[in-house]
C-alpha atoms as a PDB file:
ATOM      1  CA  MET A   1     139.099 109.535 -13.636  1.00  0.00           C
ATOM      2  CA  ILE A   2     138.020 110.791 -10.073  1.00  0.00           C
ATOM      3  CA  GLN A   3     141.700 110.969  -8.833  1.00  0.00           C
ATOM      4  CA  ARG A   4     142.658 112.962 -11.910  1.00  0.00           C
ATOM      5  CA  ILE A   5     140.010 115.405 -11.378  1.00  0.00           C
ATOM      6  CA  LEU A   6     140.801 115.873  -7.735  1.00  0.00           C
ATOM      7  CA  PHE A   7     144.463 116.292  -8.474  1.00  0.00           C
ATOM      8  CA  LEU A   8     143.886 118.949 -11.104  1.00  0.00           C
ATOM      9  CA  LEU A   9     141.419 120.658  -8.813  1.00  0.00           C
ATOM     10  CA  PHE A  10     143.842 120.834  -5.788  1.00  0.00           C
ATOM     11  CA  SER A  11     146.697 121.798  -8.098  1.00  0.00           C
ATOM     12  CA  SER A  12     144.724 124.665  -9.398  1.00  0.00           C
ATOM     13  CA  ILE A  13     143.941 125.894  -5.834  1.00  0.00           C
ATOM     14  CA  PHE A  14     147.371 125.604  -4.811  1.00  0.00           C
ATOM     15  CA  ILE A  15     148.688 127.512  -7.773  1.00  0.00           C
ATOM     16  CA  VAL A  16     146.205 130.480  -7.259  1.00  0.00           C
ATOM     17  CA  SER A  17     146.839 130.465  -3.442  1.00  0.00           C
ATOM     18  CA  TYR A  18     150.486 130.568  -4.093  1.00  0.00           C
ATOM     19  CA  ALA A  19     150.191 133.453  -6.623  1.00  0.00           C
ATOM     20  CA  GLN A  20     148.146 135.541  -4.101  1.00  0.00           C
ATOM     21  CA  GLU A  21     150.689 134.772  -1.353  1.00  0.00           C
ATOM     22  CA  LYS A  22     153.616 136.070  -3.632  1.00  0.00           C
ATOM     23  CA  SER A  23     151.615 139.127  -4.448  1.00  0.00           C
ATOM     24  CA  PHE A  24     151.875 140.495  -0.970  1.00  0.00           C
ATOM     25  CA  LYS A  25     154.993 141.685   0.736  1.00  0.00           C
ATOM     26  CA  HIS A  26     156.046 139.627   3.714  1.00  0.00           C
ATOM     27  CA  THR A  27     158.884 140.083   6.198  1.00  0.00           C
ATOM     28  CA  GLN A  28     161.627 137.428   6.387  1.00  0.00           C
ATOM     29  CA  PRO A  29     161.108 134.879   9.220  1.00  0.00           C
ATOM     30  CA  GLU A  30     163.327 135.270  12.258  1.00  0.00           C
ATOM     31  CA  SER A  31     165.653 132.436  11.423  1.00  0.00           C
ATOM     32  CA  ALA A  32     166.208 133.814   7.896  1.00  0.00           C
ATOM     33  CA  GLN A  33     167.040 137.359   9.370  1.00  0.00           C
ATOM     34  CA  LYS A  34     169.566 135.742  11.559  1.00  0.00           C
ATOM     35  CA  GLY A  35     171.220 133.957   8.612  1.00  0.00           C
ATOM     36  CA  LYS A  36     169.964 130.554   9.580  1.00  0.00           C
ATOM     37  CA  SER A  37     169.089 127.884   6.885  1.00  0.00           C
ATOM     38  CA  ASN A  38     165.388 126.952   6.614  1.00  0.00           C
ATOM     39  CA  PHE A  39     166.246 123.683   4.908  1.00  0.00           C
ATOM     40  CA  HIS A  40     165.114 120.594   6.682  1.00  0.00           C
ATOM     41  CA  GLY A  41     165.314 116.781   5.975  1.00  0.00           C
ATOM     42  CA  GLY A  42     163.736 113.919   7.662  1.00  0.00           C
ATOM     43  CA  VAL A  43     162.583 110.263   7.702  1.00  0.00           C
ATOM     44  CA  LYS A  44     159.131 108.790   7.666  1.00  0.00           C
ATOM     45  CA  VAL A  45     157.480 105.342   8.198  1.00  0.00           C
ATOM     46  CA  GLY A  46     153.885 104.158   8.044  1.00  0.00           C
ATOM     47  CA  PHE A  47     151.493 101.889   6.294  1.00  0.00           C
ATOM     48  CA  THR A  48     149.158 101.807   3.333  1.00  0.00           C
ATOM     49  CA  ALA A  49     145.701 100.617   2.267  1.00  0.00           C
ATOM     50  CA  SER A  50     145.455 100.154  -1.479  1.00  0.00           C
ATOM     51  CA  GLN A  51     143.279  98.915  -4.283  1.00  0.00           C
ATOM     52  CA  ILE A  52     143.353  98.460  -8.080  1.00  0.00           C
ATOM     53  CA  THR A  53     140.716  99.931 -10.260  1.00  0.00           C
ATOM     54  CA  LYS A  54     139.530  98.640 -13.588  1.00  0.00           C
ATOM     55  CA  ASP A  55     138.575 101.118 -16.261  1.00  0.00           C
ATOM     56  CA  GLY A  56     138.197 103.689 -13.624  1.00  0.00           C
ATOM     57  CA  PHE A  57     135.771 101.695 -11.386  1.00  0.00           C
ATOM     58  CA  ALA A  58     136.848 100.221  -8.104  1.00  0.00           C
ATOM     59  CA  PHE A  59     136.294  96.452  -7.824  1.00  0.00           C
ATOM     60  CA  GLN A  60     138.044  95.160  -4.808  1.00  0.00           C
ATOM     61  CA  GLY A  61     138.122  97.939  -1.960  1.00  0.00           C
ATOM     62  CA  PHE A  62     140.996  99.222   0.079  1.00  0.00           C
ATOM     63  CA  ASN A  63     141.871  95.789   1.645  1.00  0.00           C
ATOM     64  CA  LYS A  64     145.438  95.400   0.691  1.00  0.00           C
ATOM     65  CA  PHE A  65     147.570  96.701   3.583  1.00  0.00           C
ATOM     66  CA  GLY A  66     151.423  97.210   3.194  1.00  0.00           C
ATOM     67  CA  GLY A  67     154.404  99.167   4.494  1.00  0.00           C
ATOM     68  CA  TYR A  68     155.647 102.627   3.713  1.00  0.00           C
ATOM     69  CA  ALA A  69     159.031 104.296   4.495  1.00  0.00           C
ATOM     70  CA  GLY A  70     161.202 107.014   3.037  1.00  0.00           C
ATOM     71  CA  VAL A  71     163.293 110.177   3.474  1.00  0.00           C
ATOM     72  CA  PHE A  72     162.520 113.714   2.405  1.00  0.00           C
ATOM     73  CA  ALA A  73     163.818 117.290   2.294  1.00  0.00           C
ATOM     74  CA  ASN A  74     162.028 120.611   2.147  1.00  0.00           C
ATOM     75  CA  PHE A  75     162.789 124.202   1.754  1.00  0.00           C
ATOM     76  CA  PRO A  76     160.678 127.353   1.776  1.00  0.00           C
ATOM     77  CA  VAL A  77     159.795 129.162  -1.392  1.00  0.00           C
ATOM     78  CA  SER A  78     157.957 132.127   0.193  1.00  0.00           C
ATOM     79  CA  GLN A  79     159.406 134.655   2.551  1.00  0.00           C
ATOM     80  CA  ASN A  80     157.034 133.896   5.296  1.00  0.00           C
ATOM     81  CA  GLY A  81     157.959 130.133   5.178  1.00  0.00           C
ATOM     82  CA  LYS A  82     154.378 129.026   4.600  1.00  0.00           C
ATOM     83  CA  TRP A  83     155.104 127.558   1.024  1.00  0.00           C
ATOM     84  CA  LEU A  84     157.626 124.837   0.603  1.00  0.00           C
ATOM     85  CA  ILE A  85     158.923 122.395  -1.986  1.00  0.00           C
ATOM     86  CA  GLN A  86     159.438 118.873  -0.794  1.00  0.00           C
ATOM     87  CA  PRO A  87     161.178 116.118  -2.724  1.00  0.00           C
ATOM     88  CA  GLU A  88     161.151 112.662  -1.372  1.00  0.00           C
ATOM     89  CA  LEU A  89     162.467 109.189  -1.962  1.00  0.00           C
ATOM     90  CA  ASN A  90     160.029 106.536  -0.856  1.00  0.00           C
ATOM     91  CA  PHE A  91     159.436 102.815  -0.784  1.00  0.00           C
ATOM     92  CA  ILE A  92     155.768 101.972  -0.898  1.00  0.00           C
ATOM     93  CA  MET A  93     153.606  98.761  -1.077  1.00  0.00           C
ATOM     94  CA  LYS A  94     150.516  98.767  -3.081  1.00  0.00           C
ATOM     95  CA  GLY A  95     148.181  96.136  -4.642  1.00  0.00           C
ATOM     96  CA  CYS A  96     144.795  94.539  -4.200  1.00  0.00           C
ATOM     97  CA  LYS A  97     143.277  91.807  -1.920  1.00  0.00           C
ATOM     98  CA  HIS A  98     139.889  90.137  -2.174  1.00  0.00           C
ATOM     99  CA  THR A  99     138.541  87.160  -0.175  1.00  0.00           C
ATOM    100  CA  ALA A 100     135.915  84.658  -1.489  1.00  0.00           C
ATOM    101  CA  LYS A 101     132.430  85.098  -0.008  1.00  0.00           C
ATOM    102  CA  ARG A 102     129.795  82.561   1.186  1.00  0.00           C
ATOM    103  CA  ASP A 103     126.153  82.990   0.652  1.00  0.00           C
ATOM    104  CA  ASN A 104     123.280  81.939   3.107  1.00  0.00           C
ATOM    105  CA  ASP A 105     123.421  78.450   1.847  1.00  0.00           C
ATOM    106  CA  GLY A 106     127.085  78.086   2.361  1.00  0.00           C
ATOM    107  CA  ASN A 107     128.075  78.335  -1.292  1.00  0.00           C
ATOM    108  CA  ILE A 108     131.210  80.119  -2.058  1.00  0.00           C
ATOM    109  CA  TYR A 109     131.297  82.760  -4.809  1.00  0.00           C
ATOM    110  CA  GLY A 110     134.168  84.793  -6.049  1.00  0.00           C
ATOM    111  CA  ASP A 111     137.972  84.135  -5.829  1.00  0.00           C
ATOM    112  CA  ASP A 112     140.668  84.650  -3.369  1.00  0.00           C
ATOM    113  CA  TYR A 113     142.733  87.255  -5.115  1.00  0.00           C
ATOM    114  CA  LYS A 114     145.982  88.888  -3.919  1.00  0.00           C
ATOM    115  CA  LEU A 115     148.224  91.288  -5.838  1.00  0.00           C
ATOM    116  CA  GLU A 116     151.368  92.762  -4.273  1.00  0.00           C
ATOM    117  CA  LEU A 117     153.320  95.632  -5.822  1.00  0.00           C
ATOM    118  CA  MET A 118     156.315  97.475  -4.345  1.00  0.00           C
ATOM    119  CA  TYR A 119     157.485 100.789  -5.780  1.00  0.00           C
ATOM    120  CA  GLY A 120     160.358 103.085  -5.334  1.00  0.00           C
ATOM    121  CA  GLN A 121     159.012 106.589  -5.776  1.00  0.00           C
ATOM    122  CA  ILE A 122     160.127 110.194  -6.115  1.00  0.00           C
ATOM    123  CA  PRO A 123     157.358 112.680  -5.219  1.00  0.00           C
ATOM    124  CA  ILE A 124     157.918 116.390  -5.891  1.00  0.00           C
ATOM    125  CA  LEU A 125     155.376 118.161  -3.585  1.00  0.00           C
ATOM    126  CA  VAL A 126     154.206 121.581  -2.825  1.00  0.00           C
ATOM    127  CA  LYS A 127     153.311 122.086   0.803  1.00  0.00           C
ATOM    128  CA  TRP A 128     151.323 124.874   2.360  1.00  0.00           C
ATOM    129  CA  ARG A 129     151.443 125.370   6.098  1.00  0.00           C
ATOM    130  CA  PHE A 130     148.251 127.321   6.463  1.00  0.00           C
ATOM    131  CA  PHE A 131     147.426 127.292  10.276  1.00  0.00           C
ATOM    132  CA  LYS A 132     149.499 126.383  13.422  1.00  0.00           C
ATOM    133  CA  GLY A 133     151.156 123.264  12.176  1.00  0.00           C
ATOM    134  CA  PHE A 134     148.541 122.134   9.710  1.00  0.00           C
ATOM    135  CA  GLU A 135     149.760 121.307   6.235  1.00  0.00           C
ATOM    136  CA  LEU A 136     148.185 120.732   2.836  1.00  0.00           C
ATOM    137  CA  GLU A 137     150.330 119.206   0.076  1.00  0.00           C
ATOM    138  CA  VAL A 138     149.859 118.149  -3.641  1.00  0.00           C
ATOM    139  CA  GLY A 139     152.038 117.187  -6.425  1.00  0.00           C
ATOM    140  CA  PRO A 140     153.201 114.459  -8.848  1.00  0.00           C
ATOM    141  CA  THR A 141     155.188 111.313  -7.947  1.00  0.00           C
ATOM    142  CA  PHE A 142     157.200 109.022 -10.228  1.00  0.00           C
ATOM    143  CA  GLY A 143     157.531 105.393  -9.485  1.00  0.00           C
ATOM    144  CA  ILE A 144     159.544 102.365 -10.503  1.00  0.00           C
ATOM    145  CA  LEU A 145     158.123  98.946  -9.981  1.00  0.00           C
ATOM    146  CA  PHE A 146     160.497  96.344  -8.364  1.00  0.00           C
ATOM    147  CA  LYS A 147     160.306  93.283 -10.699  1.00  0.00           C
ATOM    148  CA  ASN A 148     160.796  90.694  -7.993  1.00  0.00           C
ATOM    149  CA  THR A 149     157.874  91.794  -5.902  1.00  0.00           C
ATOM    150  CA  ASN A 150     155.272  91.652  -8.683  1.00  0.00           C
ATOM    151  CA  VAL A 151     153.074  88.771  -7.429  1.00  0.00           C
ATOM    152  CA  GLU A 152     149.544  88.137  -8.395  1.00  0.00           C
ATOM    153  CA  LYS A 153     147.660  85.098  -7.257  1.00  0.00           C
ATOM    154  CA  VAL A 154     144.124  83.592  -7.750  1.00  0.00           C
ATOM    155  CA  ASN A 155     143.033  81.046  -5.100  1.00  0.00           C
ATOM    156  CA  GLY A 156     146.741  80.645  -4.100  1.00  0.00           C
ATOM    157  CA  TYR A 157     148.061  79.959  -7.769  1.00  0.00           C
ATOM    158  CA  ASP A 158     150.024  82.464  -9.906  1.00  0.00           C
ATOM    159  CA  ASN A 159     147.863  84.266 -12.343  1.00  0.00           C
ATOM    160  CA  LYS A 160     149.629  83.119 -15.469  1.00  0.00           C
ATOM    161  CA  GLY A 161     148.969  84.602 -18.721  1.00  0.00           C
ATOM    162  CA  ALA A 162     148.009  88.061 -17.280  1.00  0.00           C
ATOM    163  CA  PRO A 163     149.351  91.067 -18.759  1.00  0.00           C
ATOM    164  CA  PRO A 164     152.518  92.497 -16.962  1.00  0.00           C
ATOM    165  CA  PHE A 165     152.508  95.797 -15.004  1.00  0.00           C
ATOM    166  CA  ALA A 166     154.426  98.759 -16.259  1.00  0.00           C
ATOM    167  CA  TYR A 167     157.849  99.299 -14.694  1.00  0.00           C
ATOM    168  CA  PHE A 168     157.032 103.006 -14.505  1.00  0.00           C
ATOM    169  CA  GLU A 169     154.109 104.797 -12.714  1.00  0.00           C
ATOM    170  CA  PHE A 170     153.035 108.371 -12.873  1.00  0.00           C
ATOM    171  CA  SER A 171     150.651 109.427 -10.010  1.00  0.00           C
ATOM    172  CA  GLY A 172     149.145 112.401  -8.244  1.00  0.00           C
ATOM    173  CA  ILE A 173     149.233 113.029  -4.501  1.00  0.00           C
ATOM    174  CA  ILE A 174     146.880 114.876  -2.277  1.00  0.00           C
ATOM    175  CA  GLY A 175     147.519 115.029   1.435  1.00  0.00           C
ATOM    176  CA  VAL A 176     147.132 116.763   4.827  1.00  0.00           C
ATOM    177  CA  GLY A 177     149.436 116.724   7.699  1.00  0.00           C
ATOM    178  CA  TYR A 178     150.244 118.167  11.188  1.00  0.00           C
ATOM    179  CA  LEU A 179     153.624 119.110  12.387  1.00  0.00           C
ATOM    180  CA  PHE A 180     154.349 119.041  16.180  1.00  0.00           C
ATOM    181  CA  PHE A 181     157.020 121.273  17.683  1.00  0.00           C
ATOM    182  CA  ASN A 182     158.830 121.671  14.311  1.00  0.00           C
ATOM    183  CA  HIS A 183     160.056 118.097  14.384  1.00  0.00           C
ATOM    184  CA  LEU A 184     157.510 115.353  14.852  1.00  0.00           C
ATOM    185  CA  GLY A 185     154.636 115.209  12.408  1.00  0.00           C
ATOM    186  CA  VAL A 186     151.818 112.894  10.964  1.00  0.00           C
ATOM    187  CA  ASN A 187     150.564 112.652   7.479  1.00  0.00           C
ATOM    188  CA  LEU A 188     147.615 111.360   5.554  1.00  0.00           C
ATOM    189  CA  ARG A 189     147.516 111.056   1.788  1.00  0.00           C
ATOM    190  CA  PHE A 190     145.643 109.783  -1.166  1.00  0.00           C
ATOM    191  CA  GLU A 191     147.613 108.743  -4.213  1.00  0.00           C
ATOM    192  CA  GLY A 192     146.125 107.751  -7.629  1.00  0.00           C
ATOM    193  CA  SER A 193     147.685 106.801 -10.878  1.00  0.00           C
ATOM    194  CA  LEU A 194     147.294 109.286 -13.589  1.00  0.00           C
ATOM    195  CA  LEU A 195     148.284 106.814 -16.362  1.00  0.00           C
ATOM    196  CA  PRO A 196     147.494 103.036 -16.516  1.00  0.00           C
ATOM    197  CA  VAL A 197     149.790 100.758 -14.613  1.00  0.00           C
ATOM    198  CA  ARG A 198     148.624  97.745 -16.697  1.00  0.00           C
ATOM    199  CA  LYS A 199     147.157  97.670 -20.118  1.00  0.00           C
ATOM    200  CA  PRO A 200     145.747  94.436 -21.703  1.00  0.00           C
ATOM    201  CA  LYS A 201     147.760  92.555 -24.374  1.00  0.00           C
ATOM    202  CA  ALA A 202     144.668  91.301 -25.966  1.00  0.00           C
ATOM    203  CA  ARG A 203     141.622  93.519 -26.279  1.00  0.00           C
ATOM    204  CA  ASP A 204     139.224  90.893 -24.475  1.00  0.00           C
ATOM    205  CA  TRP A 205     141.518  90.194 -21.495  1.00  0.00           C
ATOM    206  CA  LEU A 206     139.096  90.629 -18.576  1.00  0.00           C
ATOM    207  CA  PHE A 207     137.563  93.611 -20.470  1.00  0.00           C
ATOM    208  CA  LEU A 208     140.418  95.941 -19.505  1.00  0.00           C
ATOM    209  CA  ASP A 209     139.729  98.391 -22.244  1.00  0.00           C
ATOM    210  CA  GLY A 210     140.865 101.257 -20.306  1.00  0.00           C
ATOM    211  CA  GLY A 211     143.509  99.450 -18.234  1.00  0.00           C
ATOM    212  CA  GLN A 212     144.084  99.319 -14.364  1.00  0.00           C
ATOM    213  CA  TYR A 213     145.035 101.997 -11.969  1.00  0.00           C
ATOM    214  CA  ASN A 214     146.555 102.035  -8.426  1.00  0.00           C
ATOM    215  CA  GLN A 215     144.719 103.940  -5.642  1.00  0.00           C
ATOM    216  CA  THR A 216     146.395 104.146  -2.210  1.00  0.00           C
ATOM    217  CA  PHE A 217     145.812 105.690   1.198  1.00  0.00           C
ATOM    218  CA  SER A 218     148.890 106.138   3.259  1.00  0.00           C
ATOM    219  CA  PHE A 219     149.329 107.128   6.715  1.00  0.00           C
ATOM    220  CA  CYS A 220     152.759 107.907   8.276  1.00  0.00           C
ATOM    221  CA  ALA A 221     154.684 109.519  11.106  1.00  0.00           C
ATOM    222  CA  TYR A 222     157.684 111.473  10.333  1.00  0.00           C
ATOM    223  CA  TYR A 223     160.676 113.279  11.990  1.00  0.00           C
ATOM    224  CA  GLN A 224     162.041 116.438  10.717  1.00  0.00           C
ATOM    225  CA  PHE A 225     165.602 117.375  11.603  1.00  0.00           C
END
């Protein structure tokens, strides 16, 4: 629920800001005046920290680390070049990890739990370059789960009988970044599922009445051509 509220809030701010930007008259950037293209492409690589929430409540923490890589293109949609549309094609690892704990008497409680999910994603982002290389971004992303990487283990054993994860994921992205010298940049994002990625087959399965959702922080470095 929190990620959906944040996504809608940031989306509203971006839409209002973009409308105000378009209401003023701007001169074309120098590159556009000379007939040069403002279209850019690039590659990115980084890592993720993720968790799964149950019925909207986090129960594991951002303990599952994974890889993140992709390609992107962007092009300006405002005359001053501050507003851009950026489609991407990414491979991203998500999931959840929890380690059993020991109390003061040495007793073990909880389970060792590990869930690995890998998605191919197509984000469609609106970017706002608001101050000397700083960027804000927001938008939806559509993901496909790779079947062969869906691994869920409890205490080292496959969690048999658990409901399957959906092959398709619909999420929202909110991020901030910084672009150095028009080529090298860094980016931090939060991504949350807007629809459940797993629903229980039976109503009483681990009390997942509202289903489970991915939540992911990702950090990457990118190079823009």
